[in-house]
Amino acid sequence: MTQKTPRQSWMATLARASRSEIESLLGDPPDHDLLKAPETGTVMVEGRAGGAGRRFNLGEATVTRCVVRLSNGRMGFSYALGRDGRKARLAALLDARLQDEAEGSGLHKGIATLAARQASARDLASRKAAATKVDFFTLVRGS
């Protein structure tokens, strides 16, 4: 598996974040122009049999995307599951701001904290699911 770039990591974190989490990280939205206003569409979701088998179309998912440009010319992009146009716009603004911020700044630390919380929640959900696992076996009775 290839290594993610820092931008790929924060984009994934923003896509999984709630609108309130994004709002708390961003604070007051900076001056910007909408290059592509939030618009909602669908994408095809693919699955794999057994996690590594043949691909199959699972179904469609609703996605909202947005593109913004800050007053300094930096562009930000976002894709978010669902129909929340405000979330998509705020995530695009955060993407643009994060590109301008120095590594280790408060904004990058906030994203890292959010990513750690998301990873912890995924781990907890995985452990809860594993606790309900049932192993079936066949018992051979004597002859």
C-alpha atoms as a PDB file:
ATOM      1  CA  MET A   1       0.000   0.000   0.000  1.00  0.00           C
ATOM      2  CA  THR A   2       1.326   3.451  -0.859  1.00  0.00           C
ATOM      3  CA  GLN A   3       1.999   6.125   1.725  1.00  0.00           C
ATOM      4  CA  LYS A   4      -0.515   8.977   1.918  1.00  0.00           C
ATOM      5  CA  THR A   5       0.659  12.551   1.509  1.00  0.00           C
ATOM      6  CA  PRO A   6      -0.214  14.970   4.325  1.00  0.00           C
ATOM      7  CA  ARG A   7      -2.906  16.544   2.134  1.00  0.00           C
ATOM      8  CA  GLN A   8      -4.490  13.168   1.357  1.00  0.00           C
ATOM      9  CA  SER A   9      -4.590  12.466   5.089  1.00  0.00           C
ATOM     10  CA  TRP A  10      -6.268  15.727   6.050  1.00  0.00           C
ATOM     11  CA  MET A  11      -8.718  15.467   3.144  1.00  0.00           C
ATOM     12  CA  ALA A  12      -9.754  12.004   4.389  1.00  0.00           C
ATOM     13  CA  THR A  13     -10.095  13.339   7.933  1.00  0.00           C
ATOM     14  CA  LEU A  14     -12.244  16.255   6.738  1.00  0.00           C
ATOM     15  CA  ALA A  15     -14.442  13.918   4.682  1.00  0.00           C
ATOM     16  CA  ARG A  16     -15.173  11.830   7.801  1.00  0.00           C
ATOM     17  CA  ALA A  17     -15.617  14.811  10.150  1.00  0.00           C
ATOM     18  CA  SER A  18     -18.960  16.280  11.150  1.00  0.00           C
ATOM     19  CA  ARG A  19     -19.895  19.822  10.229  1.00  0.00           C
ATOM     20  CA  SER A  20     -19.563  20.967  13.862  1.00  0.00           C
ATOM     21  CA  GLU A  21     -16.034  19.531  14.074  1.00  0.00           C
ATOM     22  CA  ILE A  22     -15.049  21.376  10.892  1.00  0.00           C
ATOM     23  CA  GLU A  23     -16.632  24.617  12.138  1.00  0.00           C
ATOM     24  CA  SER A  24     -14.724  24.421  15.414  1.00  0.00           C
ATOM     25  CA  LEU A  25     -11.413  23.915  13.570  1.00  0.00           C
ATOM     26  CA  LEU A  26     -11.984  26.669  11.011  1.00  0.00           C
ATOM     27  CA  GLY A  27     -13.393  29.397  13.241  1.00  0.00           C
ATOM     28  CA  ASP A  28     -14.480  32.436  11.213  1.00  0.00           C
ATOM     29  CA  PRO A  29     -14.491  31.594   7.490  1.00  0.00           C
ATOM     30  CA  PRO A  30     -11.842  33.575   5.566  1.00  0.00           C
ATOM     31  CA  ASP A  31     -12.692  35.778   2.567  1.00  0.00           C
ATOM     32  CA  HIS A  32     -13.143  33.559  -0.465  1.00  0.00           C
ATOM     33  CA  ASP A  33     -14.778  33.096  -3.847  1.00  0.00           C
ATOM     34  CA  LEU A  34     -16.872  30.080  -4.764  1.00  0.00           C
ATOM     35  CA  LEU A  35     -15.411  28.546  -7.910  1.00  0.00           C
ATOM     36  CA  LYS A  36     -17.851  25.648  -7.752  1.00  0.00           C
ATOM     37  CA  ALA A  37     -20.746  26.142  -5.346  1.00  0.00           C
ATOM     38  CA  PRO A  38     -21.692  23.087  -3.287  1.00  0.00           C
ATOM     39  CA  GLU A  39     -23.415  20.634  -5.605  1.00  0.00           C
ATOM     40  CA  THR A  40     -24.825  17.226  -4.825  1.00  0.00           C
ATOM     41  CA  GLY A  41     -24.612  14.146  -7.012  1.00  0.00           C
ATOM     42  CA  THR A  42     -24.080  10.408  -6.753  1.00  0.00           C
ATOM     43  CA  VAL A  43     -21.073   8.125  -7.053  1.00  0.00           C
ATOM     44  CA  MET A  44     -20.951   4.363  -7.519  1.00  0.00           C
ATOM     45  CA  VAL A  45     -19.636   2.490  -4.491  1.00  0.00           C
ATOM     46  CA  GLU A  46     -17.690  -0.689  -5.181  1.00  0.00           C
ATOM     47  CA  GLY A  47     -17.126  -3.610  -2.858  1.00  0.00           C
ATOM     48  CA  ARG A  48     -14.921  -6.687  -2.924  1.00  0.00           C
ATOM     49  CA  ALA A  49     -16.041 -10.176  -2.054  1.00  0.00           C
ATOM     50  CA  GLY A  50     -14.176 -11.183   1.080  1.00  0.00           C
ATOM     51  CA  GLY A  51     -12.297  -7.874   1.122  1.00  0.00           C
ATOM     52  CA  ALA A  52      -9.812  -8.995  -1.540  1.00  0.00           C
ATOM     53  CA  GLY A  53     -11.915 -10.845  -4.100  1.00  0.00           C
ATOM     54  CA  ARG A  54     -13.620  -9.709  -7.276  1.00  0.00           C
ATOM     55  CA  ARG A  55     -15.076  -6.207  -7.444  1.00  0.00           C
ATOM     56  CA  PHE A  56     -18.819  -5.648  -7.564  1.00  0.00           C
ATOM     57  CA  ASN A  57     -21.056  -2.575  -7.605  1.00  0.00           C
ATOM     58  CA  LEU A  58     -22.549  -2.178  -4.147  1.00  0.00           C
ATOM     59  CA  GLY A  59     -24.764   0.805  -4.943  1.00  0.00           C
ATOM     60  CA  GLU A  60     -24.764   4.570  -5.172  1.00  0.00           C
ATOM     61  CA  ALA A  61     -23.892   7.123  -2.497  1.00  0.00           C
ATOM     62  CA  THR A  62     -24.870  10.789  -2.362  1.00  0.00           C
ATOM     63  CA  VAL A  63     -21.862  13.140  -2.351  1.00  0.00           C
ATOM     64  CA  THR A  64     -21.556  16.937  -2.188  1.00  0.00           C
ATOM     65  CA  ARG A  65     -18.508  18.702  -3.618  1.00  0.00           C
ATOM     66  CA  CYS A  66     -17.251  22.275  -3.477  1.00  0.00           C
ATOM     67  CA  VAL A  67     -14.286  24.322  -4.754  1.00  0.00           C
ATOM     68  CA  VAL A  68     -13.225  27.669  -3.235  1.00  0.00           C
ATOM     69  CA  ARG A  69     -10.428  30.184  -3.790  1.00  0.00           C
ATOM     70  CA  LEU A  70      -9.064  32.289  -0.943  1.00  0.00           C
ATOM     71  CA  SER A  71      -8.181  35.951  -1.447  1.00  0.00           C
ATOM     72  CA  ASN A  72      -4.492  34.933  -1.730  1.00  0.00           C
ATOM     73  CA  GLY A  73      -5.304  32.656  -4.703  1.00  0.00           C
ATOM     74  CA  ARG A  74      -5.026  29.310  -2.852  1.00  0.00           C
ATOM     75  CA  MET A  75      -7.715  26.832  -3.942  1.00  0.00           C
ATOM     76  CA  GLY A  76      -9.467  24.338  -1.677  1.00  0.00           C
ATOM     77  CA  PHE A  77     -11.519  21.292  -2.628  1.00  0.00           C
ATOM     78  CA  SER A  78     -13.851  18.968  -0.773  1.00  0.00           C
ATOM     79  CA  TYR A  79     -16.063  15.933  -1.248  1.00  0.00           C
ATOM     80  CA  ALA A  80     -18.422  14.943   1.553  1.00  0.00           C
ATOM     81  CA  LEU A  81     -20.917  12.108   1.862  1.00  0.00           C
ATOM     82  CA  GLY A  82     -24.484  13.351   2.021  1.00  0.00           C
ATOM     83  CA  ARG A  83     -26.200  16.579   1.044  1.00  0.00           C
ATOM     84  CA  ASP A  84     -24.651  19.051   3.506  1.00  0.00           C
ATOM     85  CA  GLY A  85     -23.477  21.901   1.277  1.00  0.00           C
ATOM     86  CA  ARG A  86     -22.266  23.987   4.221  1.00  0.00           C
ATOM     87  CA  LYS A  87     -20.030  21.155   5.411  1.00  0.00           C
ATOM     88  CA  ALA A  88     -18.567  20.774   1.915  1.00  0.00           C
ATOM     89  CA  ARG A  89     -17.886  24.523   1.698  1.00  0.00           C
ATOM     90  CA  LEU A  90     -16.248  24.680   5.140  1.00  0.00           C
ATOM     91  CA  ALA A  91     -14.126  21.607   4.387  1.00  0.00           C
ATOM     92  CA  ALA A  92     -12.932  23.219   1.135  1.00  0.00           C
ATOM     93  CA  LEU A  93     -12.010  26.376   3.078  1.00  0.00           C
ATOM     94  CA  LEU A  94     -10.064  24.286   5.592  1.00  0.00           C
ATOM     95  CA  ASP A  95      -8.253  22.492   2.765  1.00  0.00           C
ATOM     96  CA  ALA A  96      -7.141  25.841   1.344  1.00  0.00           C
ATOM     97  CA  ARG A  97      -6.078  27.154   4.755  1.00  0.00           C
ATOM     98  CA  LEU A  98      -4.157  23.977   5.600  1.00  0.00           C
ATOM     99  CA  GLN A  99      -2.130  24.311   2.395  1.00  0.00           C
ATOM    100  CA  ASP A 100      -0.953  27.756   3.541  1.00  0.00           C
ATOM    101  CA  GLU A 101      -0.293  26.839   7.180  1.00  0.00           C
ATOM    102  CA  ALA A 102       3.134  25.653   8.265  1.00  0.00           C
ATOM    103  CA  GLU A 103       3.471  22.023   9.324  1.00  0.00           C
ATOM    104  CA  GLY A 104       3.005  21.876  13.107  1.00  0.00           C
ATOM    105  CA  SER A 105       0.741  24.947  13.248  1.00  0.00           C
ATOM    106  CA  GLY A 106      -2.372  24.992  15.405  1.00  0.00           C
ATOM    107  CA  LEU A 107      -4.575  24.109  12.454  1.00  0.00           C
ATOM    108  CA  HIS A 108      -2.458  21.061  11.574  1.00  0.00           C
ATOM    109  CA  LYS A 109      -2.443  19.995  15.237  1.00  0.00           C
ATOM    110  CA  GLY A 110      -6.228  20.292  15.298  1.00  0.00           C
ATOM    111  CA  ILE A 111      -6.518  18.049  12.238  1.00  0.00           C
ATOM    112  CA  ALA A 112      -4.116  15.523  13.803  1.00  0.00           C
ATOM    113  CA  THR A 113      -6.210  15.475  16.993  1.00  0.00           C
ATOM    114  CA  LEU A 114      -9.393  14.957  14.968  1.00  0.00           C
ATOM    115  CA  ALA A 115      -7.757  12.150  12.960  1.00  0.00           C
ATOM    116  CA  ALA A 116      -6.655  10.450  16.200  1.00  0.00           C
ATOM    117  CA  ARG A 117     -10.212  10.664  17.571  1.00  0.00           C
ATOM    118  CA  GLN A 118     -11.582   9.150  14.352  1.00  0.00           C
ATOM    119  CA  ALA A 119      -9.022   6.316  14.482  1.00  0.00           C
ATOM    120  CA  SER A 120      -9.912   5.639  18.113  1.00  0.00           C
ATOM    121  CA  ALA A 121     -13.630   5.491  17.265  1.00  0.00           C
ATOM    122  CA  ARG A 122     -12.939   3.083  14.366  1.00  0.00           C
ATOM    123  CA  ASP A 123     -10.819   0.901  16.654  1.00  0.00           C
ATOM    124  CA  LEU A 124     -13.550   0.825  19.309  1.00  0.00           C
ATOM    125  CA  ALA A 125     -16.197  -0.109  16.723  1.00  0.00           C
ATOM    126  CA  SER A 126     -13.905  -2.840  15.374  1.00  0.00           C
ATOM    127  CA  ARG A 127     -13.309  -4.265  18.855  1.00  0.00           C
ATOM    128  CA  LYS A 128     -17.051  -4.241  19.616  1.00  0.00           C
ATOM    129  CA  ALA A 129     -17.759  -6.089  16.358  1.00  0.00           C
ATOM    130  CA  ALA A 130     -14.991  -8.616  17.075  1.00  0.00           C
ATOM    131  CA  ALA A 131     -16.500  -9.298  20.510  1.00  0.00           C
ATOM    132  CA  THR A 132     -19.707 -10.518  18.853  1.00  0.00           C
ATOM    133  CA  LYS A 133     -17.933 -12.890  16.471  1.00  0.00           C
ATOM    134  CA  VAL A 134     -19.188 -16.453  16.573  1.00  0.00           C
ATOM    135  CA  ASP A 135     -16.926 -19.286  15.454  1.00  0.00           C
ATOM    136  CA  PHE A 136     -18.866 -22.189  13.984  1.00  0.00           C
ATOM    137  CA  PHE A 137     -17.263 -25.583  13.889  1.00  0.00           C
ATOM    138  CA  THR A 138     -18.339 -29.089  13.102  1.00  0.00           C
ATOM    139  CA  LEU A 139     -18.169 -31.647  15.830  1.00  0.00           C
ATOM    140  CA  VAL A 140     -17.594 -35.189  14.596  1.00  0.00           C
ATOM    141  CA  ARG A 141     -19.353 -37.663  16.832  1.00  0.00           C
ATOM    142  CA  GLY A 142     -17.837 -41.006  17.601  1.00  0.00           C
ATOM    143  CA  SER A 143     -18.560 -44.008  15.399  1.00  0.00           C
END
